[in-house]
Amino acid sequence: MYTRKLNIHEAKTRLSAVLMQIEKTGESVVICRNGKPVAELGPVKQRCGNRLKKHPEMSKIKINYDPTEVLAGDEWGMIE
């Protein structure tokens, strides 16, 4: 895959067009200063998985009490 190289001035001047090209092709652009690569600008990588999906290991954990329940006075000593 060919990676396009731009100098800083060209990248700054044509940023909107560069971003549209990245959106269209999905290819990254390397930004160079004095011919040396400084940064890479590319498409956002999509995260895999659904953050609302239950985790297979964490879903095995069971809490047998109400964690929002107010503690009695004698129970506070156990926490310290």
N, C-alpha and C. Protein backbone atom coordinates (compact mmCIF):
# COMPACT_ATOMS: atom_id res chain seq x y z
N MET A 1 0.84 -1.18 0.00
CA MET A 1 0.00 0.00 0.00
C MET A 1 0.89 1.24 0.00
N TYR A 2 0.62 2.15 -0.91
CA TYR A 2 1.41 3.38 -1.04
C TYR A 2 0.93 4.41 -0.02
N THR A 3 1.86 4.95 0.74
CA THR A 3 1.54 6.01 1.71
C THR A 3 1.98 7.34 1.13
N ARG A 4 1.05 8.25 1.05
CA ARG A 4 1.33 9.58 0.51
C ARG A 4 2.11 10.40 1.53
N LYS A 5 3.07 11.20 1.05
CA LYS A 5 3.87 12.05 1.92
C LYS A 5 3.59 13.51 1.58
N LEU A 6 3.41 14.32 2.61
CA LEU A 6 3.19 15.75 2.44
C LEU A 6 4.13 16.51 3.35
N ASN A 7 4.59 17.69 2.89
CA ASN A 7 5.35 18.52 3.81
C ASN A 7 4.36 19.27 4.69
N ILE A 8 4.82 19.84 5.79
CA ILE A 8 3.95 20.48 6.77
C ILE A 8 3.14 21.61 6.15
N HIS A 9 3.77 22.42 5.33
CA HIS A 9 3.06 23.55 4.72
C HIS A 9 1.89 23.07 3.86
N GLU A 10 2.13 22.07 3.02
CA GLU A 10 1.07 21.55 2.15
C GLU A 10 -0.05 20.91 2.97
N ALA A 11 0.31 20.17 4.02
CA ALA A 11 -0.70 19.54 4.88
C ALA A 11 -1.55 20.60 5.56
N LYS A 12 -0.93 21.68 6.02
CA LYS A 12 -1.65 22.75 6.69
C LYS A 12 -2.56 23.49 5.71
N THR A 13 -2.05 23.78 4.53
CA THR A 13 -2.79 24.53 3.53
C THR A 13 -3.98 23.73 2.98
N ARG A 14 -3.79 22.44 2.80
CA ARG A 14 -4.81 21.60 2.17
C ARG A 14 -5.45 20.60 3.14
N LEU A 15 -5.49 20.92 4.44
CA LEU A 15 -5.96 19.97 5.45
C LEU A 15 -7.35 19.42 5.13
N SER A 16 -8.28 20.27 4.75
CA SER A 16 -9.64 19.81 4.47
C SER A 16 -9.65 18.79 3.33
N ALA A 17 -8.91 19.08 2.25
CA ALA A 17 -8.85 18.16 1.11
C ALA A 17 -8.14 16.86 1.50
N VAL A 18 -7.11 16.96 2.32
CA VAL A 18 -6.38 15.77 2.78
C VAL A 18 -7.30 14.88 3.60
N LEU A 19 -8.09 15.49 4.49
CA LEU A 19 -9.01 14.71 5.32
C LEU A 19 -10.09 14.03 4.46
N MET A 20 -10.59 14.74 3.44
CA MET A 20 -11.58 14.13 2.54
C MET A 20 -10.98 12.94 1.81
N GLN A 21 -9.74 13.03 1.40
CA GLN A 21 -9.06 11.93 0.70
C GLN A 21 -8.88 10.73 1.63
N ILE A 22 -8.54 11.00 2.89
CA ILE A 22 -8.38 9.92 3.87
C ILE A 22 -9.72 9.23 4.09
N GLU A 23 -10.79 10.02 4.20
CA GLU A 23 -12.14 9.44 4.36
C GLU A 23 -12.51 8.56 3.18
N LYS A 24 -12.20 9.03 1.98
CA LYS A 24 -12.58 8.32 0.77
C LYS A 24 -11.78 7.04 0.56
N THR A 25 -10.46 7.12 0.75
CA THR A 25 -9.60 5.97 0.44
C THR A 25 -9.27 5.11 1.65
N GLY A 26 -9.30 5.71 2.85
CA GLY A 26 -8.92 4.97 4.05
C GLY A 26 -7.42 4.83 4.22
N GLU A 27 -6.64 5.52 3.37
CA GLU A 27 -5.18 5.43 3.45
C GLU A 27 -4.62 6.56 4.31
N SER A 28 -3.53 6.29 4.97
CA SER A 28 -2.86 7.27 5.82
C SER A 28 -1.98 8.21 5.01
N VAL A 29 -1.68 9.35 5.58
CA VAL A 29 -0.78 10.34 4.98
C VAL A 29 0.33 10.61 5.99
N VAL A 30 1.57 10.61 5.52
CA VAL A 30 2.71 10.91 6.38
C VAL A 30 3.07 12.37 6.19
N ILE A 31 3.18 13.10 7.30
CA ILE A 31 3.55 14.51 7.25
C ILE A 31 5.03 14.63 7.59
N CYS A 32 5.75 15.32 6.71
CA CYS A 32 7.22 15.39 6.84
C CYS A 32 7.69 16.83 7.08
N ARG A 33 8.79 16.93 7.80
CA ARG A 33 9.49 18.21 7.97
C ARG A 33 10.89 17.99 7.42
N ASN A 34 11.27 18.82 6.47
CA ASN A 34 12.58 18.69 5.81
C ASN A 34 12.81 17.28 5.27
N GLY A 35 11.73 16.68 4.75
CA GLY A 35 11.84 15.36 4.14
C GLY A 35 11.83 14.20 5.11
N LYS A 36 11.77 14.48 6.42
CA LYS A 36 11.78 13.41 7.43
C LYS A 36 10.38 13.27 8.03
N PRO A 37 9.87 12.05 8.11
CA PRO A 37 8.53 11.82 8.67
C PRO A 37 8.43 12.32 10.12
N VAL A 38 7.35 13.06 10.40
CA VAL A 38 7.11 13.61 11.73
C VAL A 38 5.84 13.00 12.34
N ALA A 39 4.81 12.85 11.51
CA ALA A 39 3.52 12.36 12.02
C ALA A 39 2.79 11.61 10.92
N GLU A 40 1.83 10.82 11.35
CA GLU A 40 1.00 10.08 10.41
C GLU A 40 -0.46 10.44 10.69
N LEU A 41 -1.16 10.80 9.64
CA LEU A 41 -2.57 11.17 9.75
C LEU A 41 -3.36 10.11 8.99
N GLY A 42 -4.29 9.45 9.70
CA GLY A 42 -5.02 8.38 9.06
C GLY A 42 -6.43 8.25 9.60
N PRO A 43 -7.17 7.31 9.03
CA PRO A 43 -8.55 7.11 9.47
C PRO A 43 -8.62 6.58 10.90
N VAL A 44 -9.71 6.89 11.55
CA VAL A 44 -9.92 6.40 12.91
C VAL A 44 -10.22 4.90 12.82
N LYS A 45 -9.53 4.13 13.63
CA LYS A 45 -9.76 2.68 13.65
C LYS A 45 -11.02 2.39 14.45
N GLN A 46 -11.90 1.59 13.87
CA GLN A 46 -13.13 1.23 14.55
C GLN A 46 -12.83 0.25 15.66
N ARG A 47 -13.42 0.48 16.81
CA ARG A 47 -13.23 -0.43 17.94
C ARG A 47 -14.06 -1.68 17.71
N CYS A 48 -13.47 -2.80 18.04
CA CYS A 48 -14.22 -4.04 17.89
C CYS A 48 -14.99 -4.30 19.18
N GLY A 49 -16.13 -4.88 19.03
CA GLY A 49 -16.93 -5.22 20.19
C GLY A 49 -17.91 -4.12 20.56
N ASN A 50 -18.80 -4.47 21.40
CA ASN A 50 -19.83 -3.55 21.86
C ASN A 50 -19.58 -3.29 23.34
N ARG A 51 -19.44 -2.05 23.73
CA ARG A 51 -19.13 -1.76 25.13
C ARG A 51 -20.30 -2.04 26.05
N LEU A 52 -21.50 -2.22 25.50
CA LEU A 52 -22.66 -2.51 26.33
C LEU A 52 -22.91 -4.01 26.48
N LYS A 53 -22.13 -4.80 25.75
CA LYS A 53 -22.26 -6.26 25.82
C LYS A 53 -21.63 -6.76 27.12
N LYS A 54 -22.25 -7.74 27.75
CA LYS A 54 -21.72 -8.28 29.00
C LYS A 54 -20.40 -9.01 28.75
N HIS A 55 -19.44 -8.76 29.61
CA HIS A 55 -18.15 -9.44 29.53
C HIS A 55 -18.34 -10.86 30.03
N PRO A 56 -17.80 -11.86 29.32
CA PRO A 56 -18.04 -13.26 29.72
C PRO A 56 -17.53 -13.60 31.12
N GLU A 57 -16.41 -13.06 31.54
CA GLU A 57 -15.88 -13.37 32.87
C GLU A 57 -16.55 -12.53 33.95
N MET A 58 -16.74 -11.25 33.66
CA MET A 58 -17.34 -10.36 34.65
C MET A 58 -18.80 -10.71 34.94
N SER A 59 -19.48 -11.28 33.95
CA SER A 59 -20.89 -11.63 34.16
C SER A 59 -21.05 -12.79 35.13
N LYS A 60 -19.96 -13.51 35.44
CA LYS A 60 -20.02 -14.62 36.41
C LYS A 60 -20.03 -14.12 37.86
N ILE A 61 -19.62 -12.88 38.07
CA ILE A 61 -19.56 -12.32 39.42
C ILE A 61 -20.96 -12.02 39.92
N LYS A 62 -21.29 -12.51 41.10
CA LYS A 62 -22.60 -12.28 41.69
C LYS A 62 -22.42 -11.52 43.00
N ILE A 63 -23.21 -10.48 43.20
CA ILE A 63 -23.19 -9.71 44.44
C ILE A 63 -24.46 -10.06 45.19
N ASN A 64 -24.31 -10.64 46.39
CA ASN A 64 -25.45 -11.12 47.16
C ASN A 64 -25.89 -10.13 48.22
N TYR A 65 -25.65 -8.86 48.00
CA TYR A 65 -26.10 -7.84 48.95
C TYR A 65 -26.34 -6.55 48.16
N ASP A 66 -26.97 -5.62 48.80
CA ASP A 66 -27.23 -4.33 48.17
C ASP A 66 -26.08 -3.38 48.50
N PRO A 67 -25.22 -3.05 47.52
CA PRO A 67 -24.07 -2.20 47.81
C PRO A 67 -24.45 -0.77 48.17
N THR A 68 -25.71 -0.39 47.96
CA THR A 68 -26.14 0.96 48.32
C THR A 68 -26.79 1.01 49.70
N GLU A 69 -26.89 -0.15 50.35
CA GLU A 69 -27.51 -0.22 51.68
C GLU A 69 -26.64 0.50 52.72
N VAL A 70 -27.26 1.23 53.61
CA VAL A 70 -26.55 1.96 54.65
C VAL A 70 -25.99 0.96 55.66
N LEU A 71 -24.73 1.15 56.07
CA LEU A 71 -24.12 0.26 57.04
C LEU A 71 -24.56 0.62 58.46
N ALA A 72 -24.70 -0.41 59.27
CA ALA A 72 -25.01 -0.21 60.69
C ALA A 72 -23.74 0.27 61.40
N GLY A 73 -23.87 0.85 62.56
CA GLY A 73 -22.74 1.38 63.31
C GLY A 73 -21.67 0.35 63.59
N ASP A 74 -22.03 -0.89 63.95
CA ASP A 74 -21.03 -1.91 64.26
C ASP A 74 -20.34 -2.45 62.99
N GLU A 75 -20.91 -2.26 61.82
CA GLU A 75 -20.30 -2.74 60.58
C GLU A 75 -19.18 -1.82 60.10
N TRP A 76 -19.15 -0.58 60.52
CA TRP A 76 -18.11 0.34 60.11
C TRP A 76 -16.73 -0.09 60.60
N GLY A 77 -16.64 -0.76 61.72
CA GLY A 77 -15.35 -1.22 62.24
C GLY A 77 -14.69 -2.25 61.34
N MET A 78 -15.46 -3.02 60.62
CA MET A 78 -14.91 -4.03 59.72
C MET A 78 -14.23 -3.41 58.50
N ILE A 79 -14.62 -2.23 58.13
CA ILE A 79 -14.09 -1.58 56.93
C ILE A 79 -12.71 -0.99 57.17
N GLU A 80 -12.44 -0.52 58.35
CA GLU A 80 -11.17 0.15 58.65
C GLU A 80 -10.04 -0.78 58.60
